[in-house]
C-alpha cells in the first residue's frame, strides 16, 4: 500500500491507519482472525450507522492490531455470484444476519436489502493476523 487509497467517482479517501479511521468518523466493527478490525463509513452520518444500505460506503477497511492497514472488502447489495460460479466474489452471498456479524452492534439491520455480496483483498499475510481480546467483538 502506498500513502493513500481513494475511491474514484465518490472521491473518498480511505483511511490507511486505524487512528485515521477513528478521526474520520468511521464506525468500528468486529475483528476477524485473518482480516482484522473492520471499519465502516455511513456517508450520511459521523461516527454512527443509519442501517440504510445505500448510505454505506461499499468499501470496508480492516486494520491489524498495531493499527496498520491490512485488508479491504467491497460490499454490494446486488448479488454478484452467478449460477455457474462466484465471478471472483466470495462463494456465496450473505444474508443480513451474516453481514451484521461484521458489526459489533445489536441494532444492525438493513431494511432496504436482504442480501450482500462481498469481495476481499488482503495486503498482508492473512494467516498472521490474529485478533486481540481487547478488539471488541472477536470472531
Protein backbone atom coordinates (compact mmCIF):
# COMPACT_ATOMS: atom_id res chain seq x y z
CA UNK A 1 0.00 0.00 0.00
CA UNK A 2 1.30 3.43 -0.88
CA UNK A 3 0.43 6.56 1.04
CA UNK A 4 -3.26 6.74 0.05
CA UNK A 5 -6.30 4.80 -1.10
CA UNK A 6 -9.05 6.67 -2.96
CA UNK A 7 -12.46 5.55 -4.16
CA UNK A 8 -12.68 7.22 -7.57
CA UNK A 9 -16.07 8.59 -8.53
CA UNK A 10 -17.06 9.10 -4.91
CA UNK A 11 -13.79 10.97 -4.29
CA UNK A 12 -13.49 9.39 -0.84
CA UNK A 13 -10.05 8.92 0.67
CA UNK A 14 -9.93 5.66 2.62
CA UNK A 15 -8.09 5.71 5.94
CA UNK A 16 -4.79 3.84 5.86
CA UNK A 17 -4.44 3.61 9.66
CA UNK A 18 -6.91 2.76 12.39
CA UNK A 19 -6.22 6.14 14.02
CA UNK A 20 -7.23 7.95 10.82
CA UNK A 21 -10.39 5.81 10.53
CA UNK A 22 -11.42 6.88 14.02
CA UNK A 23 -10.52 10.52 13.30
CA UNK A 24 -12.62 10.46 10.09
CA UNK A 25 -15.72 9.08 11.83
CA UNK A 26 -15.63 5.51 10.59
CA UNK A 27 -17.57 3.00 12.72
CA UNK A 28 -15.63 0.18 14.36
CA UNK A 29 -16.93 -3.30 13.68
CA UNK A 30 -15.87 -6.84 14.50
CA UNK A 31 -12.40 -8.29 14.40
CA UNK A 32 -11.91 -11.50 12.43
CA UNK A 33 -8.74 -13.55 12.52
CA UNK A 34 -7.06 -13.25 9.15
CA UNK A 35 -8.81 -9.96 8.34
CA UNK A 36 -8.50 -7.58 11.26
CA UNK A 37 -10.75 -4.95 12.81
CA UNK A 38 -13.44 -3.85 10.34
CA UNK A 39 -14.36 -0.17 9.92
CA UNK A 40 -17.44 1.09 8.08
CA UNK A 41 -18.43 4.53 6.79
CA UNK A 42 -22.02 5.73 6.63
CA UNK A 43 -21.95 8.55 4.09
CA UNK A 44 -24.77 10.47 5.80
CA UNK A 45 -23.64 10.46 9.44
CA UNK A 46 -20.49 10.79 11.52
CA UNK A 47 -19.47 8.03 13.95
CA UNK A 48 -22.71 6.03 13.61
CA UNK A 49 -24.73 3.92 11.21
CA UNK A 50 -28.18 4.65 9.77
CA UNK A 51 -28.56 0.98 8.75
CA UNK A 52 -29.61 2.10 5.27
CA UNK A 53 -27.59 0.05 2.79
CA UNK A 54 -27.46 2.80 0.16
CA UNK A 55 -25.77 5.06 2.75
CA UNK A 56 -22.95 2.57 3.38
CA UNK A 57 -19.71 3.27 1.55
CA UNK A 58 -19.29 -0.03 -0.34
CA UNK A 59 -15.63 -0.29 0.69
CA UNK A 60 -14.84 -1.62 4.18
CA UNK A 61 -11.32 -1.22 5.56
CA UNK A 62 -9.61 -3.56 8.04
CA UNK A 63 -6.63 -2.98 10.32
CA UNK A 64 -4.07 -5.11 12.11
CA UNK A 65 -3.58 -5.00 15.89
CA UNK A 66 -0.92 -2.31 15.54
CA UNK A 67 -3.40 -0.08 13.67
CA UNK A 68 -1.81 -0.53 10.25
CA UNK A 69 -3.80 -1.28 7.11
CA UNK A 70 -4.39 -4.98 6.44
CA UNK A 71 -7.27 -5.55 4.03
CA UNK A 72 -10.46 -4.22 2.48
CA UNK A 73 -13.63 -5.62 1.08
CA UNK A 74 -16.22 -4.45 -1.39
CA UNK A 75 -19.86 -4.83 -0.39
CA UNK A 76 -22.69 -4.99 -2.91
CA UNK A 77 -26.43 -5.23 -2.32
CA UNK A 78 -26.74 -6.75 -5.79
CA UNK A 79 -25.87 -10.45 -5.88
CA UNK A 80 -22.65 -10.77 -7.88
CA UNK A 81 -22.33 -14.56 -7.81
CA UNK A 82 -23.69 -16.36 -10.84
CA UNK A 83 -25.36 -19.67 -11.48
CA UNK A 84 -22.07 -21.23 -12.61
CA UNK A 85 -19.59 -19.50 -10.32
CA UNK A 86 -18.77 -16.70 -7.93
CA UNK A 87 -17.31 -14.35 -10.59
CA UNK A 88 -14.31 -13.76 -8.25
CA UNK A 89 -16.63 -12.67 -5.40
CA UNK A 90 -16.88 -14.69 -2.16
CA UNK A 91 -18.51 -18.05 -2.93
CA UNK A 92 -21.97 -17.26 -1.52
CA UNK A 93 -23.91 -14.07 -0.83
CA UNK A 94 -24.53 -13.12 2.81
CA UNK A 95 -27.99 -12.60 4.26
CA UNK A 96 -28.32 -9.55 6.54
CA UNK A 97 -27.73 -11.57 9.71
CA UNK A 98 -24.31 -12.67 8.45
CA UNK A 99 -23.43 -9.20 7.16
CA UNK A 100 -24.37 -7.82 10.58
CA UNK A 101 -21.77 -10.20 12.05
CA UNK A 102 -19.22 -7.70 10.74
CA UNK A 103 -20.57 -5.10 13.19
CA UNK A 104 -20.40 -5.00 16.99
CA UNK A 105 -23.90 -3.62 17.21
CA UNK A 106 -27.10 -5.44 18.12
CA UNK A 107 -29.07 -2.69 16.33
CA UNK A 108 -27.67 -3.80 12.97
CA UNK A 109 -30.45 -4.30 10.48
CA UNK A 110 -30.71 -3.24 6.88
CA UNK A 111 -34.33 -2.84 5.85
CA UNK A 112 -33.57 -1.81 2.26
CA UNK A 113 -31.73 -5.02 1.36
CA UNK A 114 -31.70 -8.64 2.43
CA UNK A 115 -28.53 -9.93 0.76
CA UNK A 116 -24.91 -8.86 0.27
CA UNK A 117 -22.04 -9.95 -1.95
CA UNK A 118 -18.52 -9.31 -0.72
CA UNK A 119 -15.05 -9.43 -2.26
CA UNK A 120 -11.97 -9.30 -0.01
CA UNK A 121 -8.46 -8.09 -0.82
CA UNK A 122 -5.57 -8.77 1.56
CA UNK A 123 -2.41 -6.68 1.56
CA UNK A 124 -0.54 -8.77 4.15
CA UNK A 125 -0.29 -12.42 5.17
CA UNK A 126 -3.84 -13.17 6.30
CA UNK A 127 -2.71 -16.16 8.34
CA UNK A 128 -0.55 -13.90 10.52
CA UNK A 129 -3.46 -11.65 11.58
CA UNK A 130 -4.89 -12.74 14.95
CA UNK A 131 -7.40 -10.62 16.84
CA UNK A 132 -6.78 -9.48 20.41
CA UNK A 133 -9.35 -9.83 23.18
CA UNK A 134 -9.44 -6.03 23.52
CA UNK A 135 -10.53 -5.64 19.87
CA UNK A 136 -14.15 -5.84 20.98
CA UNK A 137 -16.31 -8.33 19.11
CA UNK A 138 -13.78 -11.01 18.18
CA UNK A 139 -14.65 -13.77 15.74
